[in-house]
PDB file of all heavy atoms in Angstrom:
ATOM      1  N   GLY A   1       4.115  50.558 -21.257  1.00  0.00           N
ATOM      2  CA  GLY A   1       3.070  51.494 -20.842  1.00  0.00           C
ATOM      3  C   GLY A   1       2.997  52.753 -21.690  1.00  0.00           C
ATOM      4  O   GLY A   1       2.153  53.611 -21.441  1.00  0.00           O
ATOM      5  N   GLY A   2       3.878  52.865 -22.667  1.00  0.00           N
ATOM      6  CA  GLY A   2       3.852  54.019 -23.558  1.00  0.00           C
ATOM      7  C   GLY A   2       5.043  54.941 -23.361  1.00  0.00           C
ATOM      8  O   GLY A   2       5.787  54.828 -22.387  1.00  0.00           O
ATOM      9  N   LEU A   3       5.186  55.839 -24.305  1.00  0.00           N
ATOM     10  CA  LEU A   3       6.299  56.778 -24.314  1.00  0.00           C
ATOM     11  C   LEU A   3       5.788  58.179 -24.598  1.00  0.00           C
ATOM     12  O   LEU A   3       4.750  58.348 -25.235  1.00  0.00           O
ATOM     13  CB  LEU A   3       7.311  56.387 -25.400  1.00  0.00           C
ATOM     14  CG  LEU A   3       8.047  55.068 -25.188  1.00  0.00           C
ATOM     15  CD1 LEU A   3       8.705  54.606 -26.477  1.00  0.00           C
ATOM     16  CD2 LEU A   3       9.084  55.224 -24.079  1.00  0.00           C
ATOM     17  N   VAL A   4       6.554  59.169 -24.150  1.00  0.00           N
ATOM     18  CA  VAL A   4       6.227  60.562 -24.444  1.00  0.00           C
ATOM     19  C   VAL A   4       7.477  61.241 -25.004  1.00  0.00           C
ATOM     20  O   VAL A   4       8.598  60.939 -24.580  1.00  0.00           O
ATOM     21  CB  VAL A   4       5.739  61.332 -23.199  1.00  0.00           C
ATOM     22  CG1 VAL A   4       4.401  60.817 -22.735  1.00  0.00           C
ATOM     23  CG2 VAL A   4       6.753  61.261 -22.075  1.00  0.00           C
ATOM     24  N   PRO A   5       7.294  62.149 -25.971  1.00  0.00           N
ATOM     25  CA  PRO A   5       8.448  62.915 -26.442  1.00  0.00           C
ATOM     26  C   PRO A   5       8.872  63.896 -25.355  1.00  0.00           C
ATOM     27  O   PRO A   5       8.032  64.486 -24.683  1.00  0.00           O
ATOM     28  CB  PRO A   5       7.921  63.634 -27.684  1.00  0.00           C
ATOM     29  CG  PRO A   5       6.438  63.634 -27.551  1.00  0.00           C
ATOM     30  CD  PRO A   5       6.064  62.472 -26.684  1.00  0.00           C
ATOM     31  N   THR A   6      10.181  64.049 -25.172  1.00  0.00           N
ATOM     32  CA  THR A   6      10.687  64.934 -24.116  1.00  0.00           C
ATOM     33  C   THR A   6      11.360  66.191 -24.660  1.00  0.00           C
ATOM     34  O   THR A   6      11.299  67.240 -24.019  1.00  0.00           O
ATOM     35  CB  THR A   6      11.688  64.193 -23.216  1.00  0.00           C
ATOM     36  OG1 THR A   6      12.767  63.704 -24.024  1.00  0.00           O
ATOM     37  CG2 THR A   6      11.013  63.034 -22.494  1.00  0.00           C
ATOM     38  N   CYS A   7      12.025  66.063 -25.801  1.00  0.00           N
ATOM     39  CA  CYS A   7      12.757  67.179 -26.389  1.00  0.00           C
ATOM     40  C   CYS A   7      13.257  66.722 -27.762  1.00  0.00           C
ATOM     41  O   CYS A   7      12.913  65.630 -28.201  1.00  0.00           O
ATOM     42  CB  CYS A   7      13.930  67.606 -25.493  1.00  0.00           C
ATOM     43  SG  CYS A   7      15.053  66.260 -25.051  1.00  0.00           S
ATOM     44  N   GLY A   8      14.071  67.541 -28.416  1.00  0.00           N
ATOM     45  CA  GLY A   8      14.532  67.144 -29.733  1.00  0.00           C
ATOM     46  C   GLY A   8      15.642  68.028 -30.275  1.00  0.00           C
ATOM     47  O   GLY A   8      16.215  68.859 -29.561  1.00  0.00           O
ATOM     48  N   ALA A   9      15.899  67.841 -31.560  1.00  0.00           N
ATOM     49  CA  ALA A   9      16.908  68.627 -32.262  1.00  0.00           C
ATOM     50  C   ALA A   9      16.625  68.562 -33.756  1.00  0.00           C
ATOM     51  O   ALA A   9      16.128  67.549 -34.256  1.00  0.00           O
ATOM     52  CB  ALA A   9      18.309  68.092 -31.974  1.00  0.00           C
ATOM     53  N   ARG A  10      16.916  69.667 -34.436  1.00  0.00           N
ATOM     54  CA  ARG A  10      16.875  69.720 -35.907  1.00  0.00           C
ATOM     55  C   ARG A  10      18.204  70.310 -36.361  1.00  0.00           C
ATOM     56  O   ARG A  10      18.578  71.396 -35.911  1.00  0.00           O
ATOM     57  CB  ARG A  10      15.753  70.619 -36.404  1.00  0.00           C
ATOM     58  CG  ARG A  10      14.362  70.113 -36.180  1.00  0.00           C
ATOM     59  CD  ARG A  10      13.313  71.004 -36.862  1.00  0.00           C
ATOM     60  NE  ARG A  10      13.530  72.428 -36.695  1.00  0.00           N
ATOM     61  CZ  ARG A  10      13.134  73.158 -35.632  1.00  0.00           C
ATOM     62  NH1 ARG A  10      12.524  72.574 -34.630  1.00  0.00           N
ATOM     63  NH2 ARG A  10      13.356  74.456 -35.577  1.00  0.00           N
ATOM     64  N   PHE A  11      18.903  69.576 -37.222  1.00  0.00           N
ATOM     65  CA  PHE A  11      20.201  70.091 -37.634  1.00  0.00           C
ATOM     66  C   PHE A  11      20.649  69.469 -38.954  1.00  0.00           C
ATOM     67  O   PHE A  11      20.132  68.440 -39.384  1.00  0.00           O
ATOM     68  CB  PHE A  11      21.261  69.865 -36.551  1.00  0.00           C
ATOM     69  CG  PHE A  11      21.465  68.438 -36.123  1.00  0.00           C
ATOM     70  CD1 PHE A  11      22.512  67.690 -36.629  1.00  0.00           C
ATOM     71  CD2 PHE A  11      20.626  67.857 -35.179  1.00  0.00           C
ATOM     72  CE1 PHE A  11      22.712  66.383 -36.223  1.00  0.00           C
ATOM     73  CE2 PHE A  11      20.818  66.552 -34.758  1.00  0.00           C
ATOM     74  CZ  PHE A  11      21.863  65.810 -35.283  1.00  0.00           C
ATOM     75  N   THR A  12      21.592  70.144 -39.559  1.00  0.00           N
ATOM     76  CA  THR A  12      22.272  69.617 -40.730  1.00  0.00           C
ATOM     77  C   THR A  12      23.618  69.093 -40.268  1.00  0.00           C
ATOM     78  O   THR A  12      24.361  69.794 -39.574  1.00  0.00           O
ATOM     79  CB  THR A  12      22.481  70.721 -41.790  1.00  0.00           C
ATOM     80  OG1 THR A  12      21.203  71.219 -42.183  1.00  0.00           O
ATOM     81  CG2 THR A  12      23.221  70.181 -43.000  1.00  0.00           C
ATOM     82  N   ARG A  13      23.903  67.860 -40.636  1.00  0.00           N
ATOM     83  CA  ARG A  13      25.207  67.258 -40.320  1.00  0.00           C
ATOM     84  C   ARG A  13      26.011  67.154 -41.606  1.00  0.00           C
ATOM     85  O   ARG A  13      25.524  66.639 -42.611  1.00  0.00           O
ATOM     86  CB  ARG A  13      25.038  65.878 -39.702  1.00  0.00           C
ATOM     87  CG  ARG A  13      26.372  65.104 -39.598  1.00  0.00           C
ATOM     88  CD  ARG A  13      26.250  63.899 -38.725  1.00  0.00           C
ATOM     89  NE  ARG A  13      26.188  64.354 -37.328  1.00  0.00           N
ATOM     90  CZ  ARG A  13      25.990  63.547 -36.306  1.00  0.00           C
ATOM     91  NH1 ARG A  13      25.810  62.249 -36.489  1.00  0.00           N
ATOM     92  NH2 ARG A  13      25.945  64.030 -35.070  1.00  0.00           N
ATOM     93  N   LEU A  14      27.225  67.664 -41.549  1.00  0.00           N
ATOM     94  CA  LEU A  14      28.204  67.423 -42.599  1.00  0.00           C
ATOM     95  C   LEU A  14      29.144  66.361 -42.055  1.00  0.00           C
ATOM     96  O   LEU A  14      29.749  66.553 -40.990  1.00  0.00           O
ATOM     97  CB  LEU A  14      28.960  68.703 -42.945  1.00  0.00           C
ATOM     98  CG  LEU A  14      28.100  69.868 -43.433  1.00  0.00           C
ATOM     99  CD1 LEU A  14      28.970  71.088 -43.705  1.00  0.00           C
ATOM    100  CD2 LEU A  14      27.304  69.490 -44.671  1.00  0.00           C
ATOM    101  N   ALA A  15      29.245  65.213 -42.729  1.00  0.00           N
ATOM    102  CA  ALA A  15      30.005  64.085 -42.204  1.00  0.00           C
ATOM    103  C   ALA A  15      31.039  63.614 -43.218  1.00  0.00           C
ATOM    104  O   ALA A  15      30.793  63.612 -44.424  1.00  0.00           O
ATOM    105  CB  ALA A  15      29.058  62.933 -41.865  1.00  0.00           C
ATOM    106  N   LYS A  16      32.174  63.209 -42.681  1.00  0.00           N
ATOM    107  CA  LYS A  16      33.245  62.682 -43.528  1.00  0.00           C
ATOM    108  C   LYS A  16      34.035  61.655 -42.728  1.00  0.00           C
ATOM    109  O   LYS A  16      34.397  61.892 -41.577  1.00  0.00           O
ATOM    110  CB  LYS A  16      34.171  63.806 -43.969  1.00  0.00           C
ATOM    111  CG  LYS A  16      35.315  63.310 -44.844  1.00  0.00           C
ATOM    112  CD  LYS A  16      36.111  64.431 -45.424  1.00  0.00           C
ATOM    113  CE  LYS A  16      37.070  63.854 -46.470  1.00  0.00           C
ATOM    114  NZ  LYS A  16      37.566  64.899 -47.328  1.00  0.00           N
ATOM    115  N   THR A  17      34.317  60.511 -43.353  1.00  0.00           N
ATOM    116  CA  THR A  17      35.160  59.500 -42.740  1.00  0.00           C
ATOM    117  C   THR A  17      36.614  59.838 -43.050  1.00  0.00           C
ATOM    118  O   THR A  17      36.966  60.106 -44.197  1.00  0.00           O
ATOM    119  CB  THR A  17      34.810  58.100 -43.268  1.00  0.00           C
ATOM    120  OG1 THR A  17      33.436  57.831 -42.957  1.00  0.00           O
ATOM    121  CG2 THR A  17      35.683  57.037 -42.628  1.00  0.00           C
ATOM    122  N   ILE A  18      37.423  59.816 -42.010  1.00  0.00           N
ATOM    123  CA  ILE A  18      38.833  60.167 -42.148  1.00  0.00           C
ATOM    124  C   ILE A  18      39.679  58.973 -41.714  1.00  0.00           C
ATOM    125  O   ILE A  18      39.580  58.518 -40.564  1.00  0.00           O
ATOM    126  CB  ILE A  18      39.167  61.410 -41.303  1.00  0.00           C
ATOM    127  CG1 ILE A  18      38.339  62.592 -41.823  1.00  0.00           C
ATOM    128  CG2 ILE A  18      40.667  61.702 -41.329  1.00  0.00           C
ATOM    129  CD1 ILE A  18      38.512  63.862 -41.078  1.00  0.00           C
ATOM    130  N   PRO A  19      40.493  58.432 -42.639  1.00  0.00           N
ATOM    131  CA  PRO A  19      41.371  57.323 -42.262  1.00  0.00           C
ATOM    132  C   PRO A  19      42.540  57.819 -41.411  1.00  0.00           C
ATOM    133  O   PRO A  19      43.106  58.889 -41.659  1.00  0.00           O
ATOM    134  CB  PRO A  19      41.865  56.780 -43.610  1.00  0.00           C
ATOM    135  CG  PRO A  19      41.682  57.899 -44.582  1.00  0.00           C
ATOM    136  CD  PRO A  19      40.603  58.792 -44.046  1.00  0.00           C
ATOM    137  N   LEU A  20      42.872  57.043 -40.394  1.00  0.00           N
ATOM    138  CA  LEU A  20      44.003  57.335 -39.516  1.00  0.00           C
ATOM    139  C   LEU A  20      44.962  56.151 -39.566  1.00  0.00           C
ATOM    140  O   LEU A  20      44.616  55.084 -40.076  1.00  0.00           O
ATOM    141  CB  LEU A  20      43.517  57.558 -38.082  1.00  0.00           C
ATOM    142  CG  LEU A  20      42.443  58.620 -37.866  1.00  0.00           C
ATOM    143  CD1 LEU A  20      41.961  58.593 -36.429  1.00  0.00           C
ATOM    144  CD2 LEU A  20      42.982  59.995 -38.240  1.00  0.00           C
ATOM    145  N   GLU A  21      46.119  56.326 -38.987  1.00  0.00           N
ATOM    146  CA  GLU A  21      47.102  55.236 -38.980  1.00  0.00           C
ATOM    147  C   GLU A  21      46.563  54.002 -38.267  1.00  0.00           C
ATOM    148  O   GLU A  21      46.791  52.876 -38.695  1.00  0.00           O
ATOM    149  CB  GLU A  21      48.389  55.715 -38.309  1.00  0.00           C
ATOM    150  CG  GLU A  21      49.508  54.704 -38.379  1.00  0.00           C
ATOM    151  CD  GLU A  21      50.804  55.233 -37.818  1.00  0.00           C
ATOM    152  OE1 GLU A  21      51.091  56.433 -38.000  1.00  0.00           O
ATOM    153  OE2 GLU A  21      51.532  54.433 -37.194  1.00  0.00           O
ATOM    154  N   ASN A  22      45.829  54.215 -37.160  1.00  0.00           N
ATOM    155  CA  ASN A  22      45.317  53.083 -36.373  1.00  0.00           C
ATOM    156  C   ASN A  22      43.798  53.050 -36.333  1.00  0.00           C
ATOM    157  O   ASN A  22      43.206  52.785 -35.289  1.00  0.00           O
ATOM    158  CB  ASN A  22      45.874  53.144 -34.948  1.00  0.00           C
ATOM    159  CG  ASN A  22      47.364  52.923 -34.914  1.00  0.00           C
ATOM    160  OD1 ASN A  22      47.864  52.027 -35.576  1.00  0.00           O
ATOM    161  ND2 ASN A  22      48.071  53.754 -34.174  1.00  0.00           N
ATOM    162  N   GLY A  23      43.139  53.340 -37.452  1.00  0.00           N
ATOM    163  CA  GLY A  23      41.688  53.271 -37.489  1.00  0.00           C
ATOM    164  C   GLY A  23      41.071  54.310 -38.398  1.00  0.00           C
ATOM    165  O   GLY A  23      41.739  54.860 -39.279  1.00  0.00           O
ATOM    166  N   ARG A  24      39.785  54.553 -38.158  1.00  0.00           N
ATOM    167  CA  ARG A  24      39.034  55.553 -38.922  1.00  0.00           C
ATOM    168  C   ARG A  24      38.111  56.283 -37.970  1.00  0.00           C
ATOM    169  O   ARG A  24      37.563  55.684 -37.046  1.00  0.00           O
ATOM    170  CB  ARG A  24      38.150  54.900 -40.001  1.00  0.00           C
ATOM    171  CG  ARG A  24      38.867  54.237 -41.119  1.00  0.00           C
ATOM    172  CD  ARG A  24      37.916  53.618 -42.151  1.00  0.00           C
ATOM    173  NE  ARG A  24      36.927  52.742 -41.529  1.00  0.00           N
ATOM    174  CZ  ARG A  24      35.597  52.860 -41.672  1.00  0.00           C
ATOM    175  NH1 ARG A  24      35.076  53.784 -42.419  1.00  0.00           N
ATOM    176  NH2 ARG A  24      34.782  52.034 -41.056  1.00  0.00           N
ATOM    177  N   VAL A  25      37.927  57.580 -38.222  1.00  0.00           N
ATOM    178  CA  VAL A  25      36.964  58.361 -37.459  1.00  0.00           C
ATOM    179  C   VAL A  25      36.013  59.040 -38.433  1.00  0.00           C
ATOM    180  O   VAL A  25      36.324  59.219 -39.612  1.00  0.00           O
ATOM    181  CB  VAL A  25      37.640  59.439 -36.570  1.00  0.00           C
ATOM    182  CG1 VAL A  25      38.488  58.800 -35.497  1.00  0.00           C
ATOM    183  CG2 VAL A  25      38.432  60.435 -37.397  1.00  0.00           C
ATOM    184  N   GLU A  26      34.834  59.394 -37.898  1.00  0.00           N
ATOM    185  CA  GLU A  26      33.927  60.249 -38.640  1.00  0.00           C
ATOM    186  C   GLU A  26      34.012  61.636 -38.025  1.00  0.00           C
ATOM    187  O   GLU A  26      33.854  61.795 -36.817  1.00  0.00           O
ATOM    188  CB  GLU A  26      32.492  59.746 -38.571  1.00  0.00           C
ATOM    189  CG  GLU A  26      31.533  60.660 -39.327  1.00  0.00           C
ATOM    190  CD  GLU A  26      30.098  60.210 -39.232  1.00  0.00           C
ATOM    191  OE1 GLU A  26      29.450  60.503 -38.206  1.00  0.00           O
ATOM    192  OE2 GLU A  26      29.642  59.543 -40.180  1.00  0.00           O
ATOM    193  N   LEU A  27      34.287  62.614 -38.871  1.00  0.00           N
ATOM    194  CA  LEU A  27      34.255  64.009 -38.464  1.00  0.00           C
ATOM    195  C   LEU A  27      32.888  64.535 -38.849  1.00  0.00           C
ATOM    196  O   LEU A  27      32.504  64.461 -40.020  1.00  0.00           O
ATOM    197  CB  LEU A  27      35.364  64.801 -39.162  1.00  0.00           C
ATOM    198  CG  LEU A  27      35.376  66.311 -38.910  1.00  0.00           C
ATOM    199  CD1 LEU A  27      35.564  66.617 -37.421  1.00  0.00           C
ATOM    200  CD2 LEU A  27      36.468  66.972 -39.752  1.00  0.00           C
ATOM    201  N   ALA A  28      32.132  65.023 -37.862  1.00  0.00           N
ATOM    202  CA  ALA A  28      30.781  65.529 -38.103  1.00  0.00           C
ATOM    203  C   ALA A  28      30.692  66.975 -37.646  1.00  0.00           C
ATOM    204  O   ALA A  28      31.120  67.315 -36.541  1.00  0.00           O
ATOM    205  CB  ALA A  28      29.750  64.680 -37.363  1.00  0.00           C
ATOM    206  N   LEU A  29      30.148  67.816 -38.520  1.00  0.00           N
ATOM    207  CA  LEU A  29      29.920  69.223 -38.226  1.00  0.00           C
ATOM    208  C   LEU A  29      28.415  69.427 -38.182  1.00  0.00           C
ATOM    209  O   LEU A  29      27.731  69.252 -39.196  1.00  0.00           O
ATOM    210  CB  LEU A  29      30.538  70.104 -39.313  1.00  0.00           C
ATOM    211  CG  LEU A  29      31.970  69.765 -39.743  1.00  0.00           C
ATOM    212  CD1 LEU A  29      32.426  70.695 -40.863  1.00  0.00           C
ATOM    213  CD2 LEU A  29      32.914  69.814 -38.558  1.00  0.00           C
ATOM    214  N   ASP A  30      27.872  69.749 -37.015  1.00  0.00           N
ATOM    215  CA  ASP A  30      26.427  69.868 -36.817  1.00  0.00           C
ATOM    216  C   ASP A  30      26.035  71.321 -36.601  1.00  0.00           C
ATOM    217  O   ASP A  30      26.635  72.008 -35.768  1.00  0.00           O
ATOM    218  CB  ASP A  30      25.976  69.046 -35.604  1.00  0.00           C
ATOM    219  CG  ASP A  30      26.162  67.550 -35.801  1.00  0.00           C
ATOM    220  OD1 ASP A  30      26.349  67.115 -36.956  1.00  0.00           O
ATOM    221  OD2 ASP A  30      26.128  66.815 -34.798  1.00  0.00           O
ATOM    222  N   GLN A  31      24.996  71.746 -37.337  1.00  0.00           N
ATOM    223  CA  GLN A  31      24.474  73.104 -37.179  1.00  0.00           C
ATOM    224  C   GLN A  31      22.955  73.062 -37.253  1.00  0.00           C
ATOM    225  O   GLN A  31      22.390  72.502 -38.184  1.00  0.00           O
ATOM    226  CB  GLN A  31      25.007  74.022 -38.274  1.00  0.00           C
ATOM    227  CG  GLN A  31      24.474  75.432 -38.158  1.00  0.00           C
ATOM    228  CD  GLN A  31      25.053  76.355 -39.225  1.00  0.00           C
ATOM    229  OE1 GLN A  31      25.947  76.007 -39.964  1.00  0.00           O
ATOM    230  NE2 GLN A  31      24.504  77.547 -39.292  1.00  0.00           N
ATOM    231  N   GLY A  32      22.300  73.638 -36.244  1.00  0.00           N
ATOM    232  CA  GLY A  32      20.843  73.664 -36.214  1.00  0.00           C
ATOM    233  C   GLY A  32      20.348  74.191 -34.897  1.00  0.00           C
ATOM    234  O   GLY A  32      20.894  75.155 -34.360  1.00  0.00           O
ATOM    235  N   VAL A  33      19.317  73.515 -34.336  1.00  0.00           N
ATOM    236  CA  VAL A  33      18.742  73.935 -33.063  1.00  0.00           C
ATOM    237  C   VAL A  33      18.403  72.724 -32.197  1.00  0.00           C
ATOM    238  O   VAL A  33      18.057  71.664 -32.704  1.00  0.00           O
ATOM    239  CB  VAL A  33      17.458  74.796 -33.241  1.00  0.00           C
ATOM    240  CG1 VAL A  33      17.778  76.127 -33.883  1.00  0.00           C
ATOM    241  CG2 VAL A  33      16.390  74.048 -34.027  1.00  0.00           C
ATOM    242  N   LEU A  34      18.518  72.918 -30.895  1.00  0.00           N
ATOM    243  CA  LEU A  34      17.963  72.002 -29.916  1.00  0.00           C
ATOM    244  C   LEU A  34      16.566  72.507 -29.595  1.00  0.00           C
ATOM    245  O   LEU A  34      16.336  73.722 -29.599  1.00  0.00           O
ATOM    246  CB  LEU A  34      18.818  71.981 -28.650  1.00  0.00           C
ATOM    247  CG  LEU A  34      20.266  71.556 -28.829  1.00  0.00           C
ATOM    248  CD1 LEU A  34      21.043  71.761 -27.530  1.00  0.00           C
ATOM    249  CD2 LEU A  34      20.355  70.117 -29.286  1.00  0.00           C
ATOM    250  N   THR A  35      15.628  71.600 -29.307  1.00  0.00           N
ATOM    251  CA  THR A  35      14.251  72.008 -29.049  1.00  0.00           C
ATOM    252  C   THR A  35      13.743  71.372 -27.756  1.00  0.00           C
ATOM    253  O   THR A  35      14.100  70.248 -27.421  1.00  0.00           O
ATOM    254  CB  THR A  35      13.325  71.596 -30.209  1.00  0.00           C
ATOM    255  OG1 THR A  35      13.354  70.164 -30.354  1.00  0.00           O
ATOM    256  CG2 THR A  35      13.758  72.241 -31.521  1.00  0.00           C
ATOM    257  N   GLY A  36      12.914  72.143 -27.044  1.00  0.00           N
ATOM    258  CA  GLY A  36      12.312  71.627 -25.822  1.00  0.00           C
ATOM    259  C   GLY A  36      11.263  72.573 -25.287  1.00  0.00           C
ATOM    260  O   GLY A  36      11.507  73.776 -25.186  1.00  0.00           O
ATOM    261  N   SER A  37      10.085  72.065 -25.017  1.00  0.00           N
ATOM    262  CA  SER A  37       8.971  72.849 -24.453  1.00  0.00           C
ATOM    263  C   SER A  37       8.686  74.118 -25.248  1.00  0.00           C
ATOM    264  O   SER A  37       8.451  75.185 -24.681  1.00  0.00           O
ATOM    265  CB  SER A  37       9.247  73.206 -22.986  1.00  0.00           C
ATOM    266  OG  SER A  37       9.290  72.038 -22.205  1.00  0.00           O
TER     267      SER A  37
END
């Protein structure tokens, strides 16, 4: 039946994969704004 936008975000992500002993994680640093109405 359709969709409507509800809110959003604009940001810069700095991302890096970091190896660990039992896996890998992504470390993400986000800076920007959340948006709504």
